[in-house]
């Protein structure tokens, strides 16, 4: 049987950084638009670019 006491204490939250910056997200949208064509992958790239772009703040 494990009788170790649980860990207790105050631990600071690590600094939370965004997964990507706004500039990086805009570059991703631009890159995805570059891959847009009539293939399944191209249409998916276009759809994903649109979905991401809608989540970005307007300039």
Protein backbone atom coordinates (compact mmCIF):
# COMPACT_ATOMS: atom_id res chain seq x y z
CA UNK A 1 0.00 0.00 0.00
CA UNK A 2 1.31 3.45 -0.95
CA UNK A 3 1.11 5.78 2.05
CA UNK A 4 3.00 8.75 0.63
CA UNK A 5 1.43 12.07 1.51
CA UNK A 6 -0.10 14.02 -1.36
CA UNK A 7 1.90 16.95 -2.72
CA UNK A 8 0.54 20.20 -1.37
CA UNK A 9 1.73 23.71 -2.04
CA UNK A 10 1.41 26.84 -4.06
CA UNK A 11 2.82 26.46 -7.53
CA UNK A 12 2.87 29.49 -9.81
CA UNK A 13 1.06 29.12 -13.10
CA UNK A 14 3.49 29.06 -15.99
CA UNK A 15 3.27 32.02 -18.34
CA UNK A 16 0.66 31.20 -20.92
CA UNK A 17 1.64 32.08 -24.43
CA UNK A 18 -0.67 31.90 -27.42
CA UNK A 19 -0.12 28.88 -29.61
CA UNK A 20 0.64 31.22 -32.49
CA UNK A 21 0.89 34.97 -32.74
CA UNK A 22 -1.54 37.03 -34.80
CA UNK A 23 1.16 37.62 -37.41
CA UNK A 24 1.86 33.88 -37.62
CA UNK A 25 -1.85 33.10 -37.98
CA UNK A 26 -2.16 35.57 -40.84
CA UNK A 27 0.84 33.98 -42.55
CA UNK A 28 -0.80 30.56 -42.17
CA UNK A 29 -3.96 31.85 -43.85
CA UNK A 30 -1.86 33.30 -46.67
CA UNK A 31 0.02 30.01 -47.10
CA UNK A 32 -3.19 27.96 -47.10
CA UNK A 33 -4.65 30.25 -49.76
CA UNK A 34 -1.56 29.57 -51.86
CA UNK A 35 -2.43 25.86 -51.87
CA UNK A 36 -6.05 26.41 -52.90
CA UNK A 37 -6.99 24.61 -56.13
CA UNK A 38 -9.62 22.17 -57.43
CA UNK A 39 -8.21 19.12 -55.64
CA UNK A 40 -9.71 17.74 -52.45
CA UNK A 41 -6.67 19.02 -50.54
CA UNK A 42 -6.85 22.42 -52.22
CA UNK A 43 -10.51 22.84 -51.33
CA UNK A 44 -9.76 21.77 -47.75
CA UNK A 45 -6.92 24.31 -47.57
CA UNK A 46 -9.30 27.03 -48.78
CA UNK A 47 -11.96 26.02 -46.23
CA UNK A 48 -9.44 25.92 -43.38
CA UNK A 49 -8.01 29.30 -44.40
CA UNK A 50 -11.51 30.77 -44.29
CA UNK A 51 -12.28 29.22 -40.92
CA UNK A 52 -9.06 30.57 -39.43
CA UNK A 53 -9.47 34.00 -41.02
CA UNK A 54 -12.92 34.38 -39.47
CA UNK A 55 -11.40 33.92 -36.02
CA UNK A 56 -8.76 36.63 -36.50
CA UNK A 57 -9.43 40.19 -35.40
CA UNK A 58 -9.99 42.76 -38.12
CA UNK A 59 -7.18 45.20 -38.66
